[in-house]
Amino acid sequence: MKFRDSLISLTSIAVFISLWELASEIRILPAILPRPVDVVFSIYALIDKIPIYAYHSIVHFIAGFAMALVVAIPIGALSGWYRSVRALIKPIVEIIRPIPPIAWIPFALISFRSDFEASSLIIFIGSFFPIFTNTFLGFSNVPLEYVEIARTLGAGDLDILVKVALPSSLPSMLSGIRTGVGVGWMCVVAAEMFGPPGLGLQIMNMRYLHDISAVTAYMLVIGVIGFILERIVRVIEIKTLKWQKGFVRQV
């Protein structure tokens, strides 16, 4: 099964590259569609710079995403479990959530002296809401019969929260974390386009030089790193949810 899935994935990548090459050869959108071989040459030419800029982007991402985890999970859990906390927090979250993370960039650049702090705020905002929402939904949808059985067995409120609600909400919570990784990584690139060193800034620099092959090369690097980050979270999700094998295999 794994071999077949890997073969299908490799085939899809090969077909995509072939179509890309064909489109560039017959000059479909020639101004914005470099040939794959030109992108490979650009990656080779930038091979000494890519790790440096990727490192900066990953550091920005880790800082913002870690803050989102620390803040979103407790607030989401308490809001989902306690009605009073929900009434206090949910209206504020619902007002702020529709604001796109990119709209916070001017605010962040004005409010913080450091580009690092500004980019971390953008990533925090982008990652916070998926994690908060899924954590909230997980804790608010704990089956009532689980709680009643636990109370019948003599469990207290804290025991029910930790030993019943938390395991029950883990699938939803981990799904939110996986979504938060993707959104946060997209936000780090957008935030870096306005100053902080990283892959996003390099895309803007190459754009000013009209080097579309280099722009595409950095875009591919961003995509590969995002894929690796998602796979890491996916592995953690599978290991954590071994008791839900059927659920995990379908994701």
Foldseek 3Di string as FASTA:
>chain_A
DVVVVVVVVVVVVVVVLVVLQVCCVVPDVVLQRDRPVLLVVLCVVCVVPQVVQAVQLVVLLCLLLVVLVVPQQVLLLCLLADVVSVVVPVVVCVVPLVPQLLVCLVVLVVVDPDLSRSLSNSLNSQLNVLLNVLSSVQQNPQDPVQVVVCVVVPDDPVCCSPVRSVVSSVVSNLVSNLSSLLRSLVSSLSSPCVPRRHLNVVLNVVVVVSNSSNNVSSVVVSVVVSVVVSVVSLVVSCVVVVVPVVVSVVD
